[in-house]
Amino acid sequence: MRCLSEGQITDTPVQECAGYILFQPDDVAMYQNFDKDLFSEVTGLLLLSFFVGHAAGRLVRWLGK
């Protein structure tokens, strides 16, 4: 990681950087592990909660008339 401070890019440690931290390709490579099963589960649960909430709202609206 590099530090951008006062218009200059330096190798200042992250804890001492007073500006912006610039990531290098090696720094972000460890974050590219993507768990497809977890993504599928979270997406499915979000879609399910959306449709259940939508249906519940329509039912409450229908019962209120």
N, C-alpha and C. Protein backbone atom coordinates (compact mmCIF):
# COMPACT_ATOMS: atom_id res chain seq x y z
N MET A 1 0.84 -1.17 0.00
CA MET A 1 0.00 0.00 0.00
C MET A 1 0.89 1.24 0.00
N ARG A 2 0.40 2.23 -0.65
CA ARG A 2 1.14 3.50 -0.74
C ARG A 2 0.28 4.60 -0.14
N CYS A 3 0.94 5.67 0.23
CA CYS A 3 0.25 6.79 0.87
C CYS A 3 0.31 8.01 -0.05
N LEU A 4 -0.82 8.65 -0.27
CA LEU A 4 -0.89 9.88 -1.06
C LEU A 4 -1.19 11.01 -0.09
N SER A 5 -0.21 11.85 0.12
CA SER A 5 -0.36 12.95 1.06
C SER A 5 0.28 14.19 0.49
N GLU A 6 -0.46 15.28 0.45
CA GLU A 6 0.02 16.58 -0.06
C GLU A 6 0.56 16.46 -1.48
N GLY A 7 -0.11 15.65 -2.29
CA GLY A 7 0.26 15.54 -3.70
C GLY A 7 1.43 14.63 -3.98
N GLN A 8 1.97 13.95 -2.98
CA GLN A 8 3.11 13.07 -3.18
C GLN A 8 2.75 11.65 -2.74
N ILE A 9 3.23 10.68 -3.51
CA ILE A 9 3.03 9.28 -3.18
C ILE A 9 4.28 8.78 -2.47
N THR A 10 4.08 8.25 -1.27
CA THR A 10 5.20 7.76 -0.46
C THR A 10 4.92 6.35 0.03
N ASP A 11 5.94 5.73 0.60
CA ASP A 11 5.80 4.39 1.19
C ASP A 11 5.58 4.47 2.70
N THR A 12 4.95 5.52 3.16
CA THR A 12 4.67 5.70 4.58
C THR A 12 3.77 4.57 5.07
N PRO A 13 4.03 4.01 6.25
CA PRO A 13 3.14 2.96 6.78
C PRO A 13 1.70 3.46 6.91
N VAL A 14 0.76 2.54 6.80
CA VAL A 14 -0.66 2.88 6.80
C VAL A 14 -1.06 3.62 8.08
N GLN A 15 -0.52 3.22 9.21
CA GLN A 15 -0.88 3.84 10.48
C GLN A 15 -0.43 5.30 10.55
N GLU A 16 0.60 5.66 9.81
CA GLU A 16 1.14 7.02 9.85
C GLU A 16 0.69 7.88 8.67
N CYS A 17 -0.06 7.30 7.75
CA CYS A 17 -0.48 8.03 6.55
C CYS A 17 -1.50 9.10 6.92
N ALA A 18 -1.23 10.33 6.52
CA ALA A 18 -2.13 11.45 6.84
C ALA A 18 -3.03 11.80 5.66
N GLY A 19 -2.92 11.07 4.57
CA GLY A 19 -3.72 11.36 3.38
C GLY A 19 -4.55 10.17 2.98
N TYR A 20 -4.47 9.83 1.71
CA TYR A 20 -5.24 8.71 1.16
C TYR A 20 -4.34 7.49 1.02
N ILE A 21 -4.94 6.31 1.17
CA ILE A 21 -4.20 5.06 1.01
C ILE A 21 -4.50 4.52 -0.38
N LEU A 22 -3.47 4.23 -1.14
CA LEU A 22 -3.61 3.68 -2.48
C LEU A 22 -3.29 2.19 -2.44
N PHE A 23 -4.18 1.37 -2.94
CA PHE A 23 -3.97 -0.07 -2.96
C PHE A 23 -3.24 -0.48 -4.22
N GLN A 24 -2.38 -1.47 -4.11
CA GLN A 24 -1.67 -2.05 -5.23
C GLN A 24 -2.36 -3.37 -5.57
N PRO A 25 -2.15 -3.93 -6.75
CA PRO A 25 -2.80 -5.19 -7.11
C PRO A 25 -2.54 -6.33 -6.11
N ASP A 26 -1.34 -6.37 -5.55
CA ASP A 26 -1.02 -7.42 -4.58
C ASP A 26 -1.85 -7.27 -3.31
N ASP A 27 -2.22 -6.04 -2.95
CA ASP A 27 -2.97 -5.80 -1.73
C ASP A 27 -4.42 -6.28 -1.84
N VAL A 28 -5.00 -6.19 -3.01
CA VAL A 28 -6.40 -6.58 -3.17
C VAL A 28 -6.59 -8.02 -3.62
N ALA A 29 -5.51 -8.70 -3.96
CA ALA A 29 -5.62 -10.09 -4.43
C ALA A 29 -6.19 -10.99 -3.36
N MET A 30 -5.91 -10.73 -2.10
CA MET A 30 -6.41 -11.59 -1.04
C MET A 30 -7.90 -11.41 -0.80
N TYR A 31 -8.50 -10.32 -1.27
CA TYR A 31 -9.92 -10.07 -1.08
C TYR A 31 -10.77 -10.59 -2.24
N GLN A 32 -10.15 -11.23 -3.20
CA GLN A 32 -10.90 -11.69 -4.37
C GLN A 32 -11.46 -13.09 -4.21
N ASN A 33 -11.35 -13.67 -3.03
CA ASN A 33 -11.98 -14.96 -2.77
C ASN A 33 -13.47 -14.72 -2.60
N PHE A 34 -14.25 -15.30 -3.47
CA PHE A 34 -15.69 -15.05 -3.50
C PHE A 34 -16.41 -16.35 -3.22
N ASP A 35 -17.22 -16.39 -2.19
CA ASP A 35 -17.97 -17.59 -1.82
C ASP A 35 -19.32 -17.58 -2.54
N LYS A 36 -19.43 -18.37 -3.59
CA LYS A 36 -20.65 -18.40 -4.40
C LYS A 36 -21.84 -18.95 -3.63
N ASP A 37 -21.59 -19.92 -2.76
CA ASP A 37 -22.69 -20.50 -1.98
C ASP A 37 -23.28 -19.47 -1.03
N LEU A 38 -22.42 -18.72 -0.37
CA LEU A 38 -22.90 -17.67 0.55
C LEU A 38 -23.67 -16.60 -0.21
N PHE A 39 -23.15 -16.21 -1.38
CA PHE A 39 -23.83 -15.21 -2.20
C PHE A 39 -25.21 -15.70 -2.62
N SER A 40 -25.30 -16.95 -3.03
CA SER A 40 -26.58 -17.51 -3.45
C SER A 40 -27.57 -17.55 -2.29
N GLU A 41 -27.09 -17.94 -1.12
CA GLU A 41 -27.97 -18.02 0.04
C GLU A 41 -28.48 -16.64 0.46
N VAL A 42 -27.58 -15.66 0.52
CA VAL A 42 -27.98 -14.31 0.92
C VAL A 42 -28.94 -13.71 -0.10
N THR A 43 -28.64 -13.88 -1.38
CA THR A 43 -29.51 -13.35 -2.43
C THR A 43 -30.89 -14.00 -2.37
N GLY A 44 -30.91 -15.31 -2.18
CA GLY A 44 -32.19 -16.01 -2.09
C GLY A 44 -33.02 -15.54 -0.90
N LEU A 45 -32.36 -15.37 0.24
CA LEU A 45 -33.08 -14.90 1.42
C LEU A 45 -33.59 -13.47 1.25
N LEU A 46 -32.81 -12.63 0.61
CA LEU A 46 -33.26 -11.26 0.36
C LEU A 46 -34.46 -11.24 -0.59
N LEU A 47 -34.42 -12.04 -1.64
CA LEU A 47 -35.56 -12.11 -2.56
C LEU A 47 -36.80 -12.67 -1.87
N LEU A 48 -36.60 -13.70 -1.06
CA LEU A 48 -37.72 -14.28 -0.33
C LEU A 48 -38.34 -13.26 0.61
N SER A 49 -37.52 -12.53 1.36
CA SER A 49 -38.06 -11.54 2.29
C SER A 49 -38.76 -10.40 1.54
N PHE A 50 -38.26 -10.05 0.36
CA PHE A 50 -38.92 -9.01 -0.44
C PHE A 50 -40.31 -9.46 -0.86
N PHE A 51 -40.40 -10.67 -1.40
CA PHE A 51 -41.69 -11.15 -1.89
C PHE A 51 -42.67 -11.40 -0.75
N VAL A 52 -42.20 -11.92 0.38
CA VAL A 52 -43.09 -12.13 1.52
C VAL A 52 -43.57 -10.79 2.06
N GLY A 53 -42.67 -9.82 2.16
CA GLY A 53 -43.07 -8.49 2.63
C GLY A 53 -44.04 -7.82 1.68
N HIS A 54 -43.80 -7.98 0.39
CA HIS A 54 -44.70 -7.40 -0.60
C HIS A 54 -46.09 -8.05 -0.51
N ALA A 55 -46.11 -9.36 -0.41
CA ALA A 55 -47.39 -10.06 -0.31
C ALA A 55 -48.12 -9.69 0.98
N ALA A 56 -47.38 -9.58 2.07
CA ALA A 56 -48.00 -9.19 3.34
C ALA A 56 -48.58 -7.78 3.25
N GLY A 57 -47.88 -6.89 2.60
CA GLY A 57 -48.38 -5.53 2.43
C GLY A 57 -49.64 -5.49 1.58
N ARG A 58 -49.65 -6.28 0.53
CA ARG A 58 -50.86 -6.33 -0.31
C ARG A 58 -52.03 -6.92 0.46
N LEU A 59 -51.77 -7.94 1.28
CA LEU A 59 -52.82 -8.56 2.08
C LEU A 59 -53.38 -7.58 3.10
N VAL A 60 -52.51 -6.85 3.76
CA VAL A 60 -52.96 -5.85 4.74
C VAL A 60 -53.76 -4.77 4.05
N ARG A 61 -53.35 -4.37 2.88
CA ARG A 61 -54.10 -3.36 2.12
C ARG A 61 -55.48 -3.90 1.72
N TRP A 62 -55.50 -5.15 1.29
CA TRP A 62 -56.77 -5.77 0.87
C TRP A 62 -57.72 -5.92 2.06
N LEU A 63 -57.17 -6.29 3.22
CA LEU A 63 -58.02 -6.45 4.42
C LEU A 63 -58.50 -5.11 4.95
N GLY A 64 -57.81 -4.05 4.66
CA GLY A 64 -58.20 -2.74 5.15
C GLY A 64 -59.33 -2.11 4.36
N LYS A 65 -59.62 -2.63 3.19
CA LYS A 65 -60.69 -2.05 2.37
C LYS A 65 -62.04 -2.56 2.77
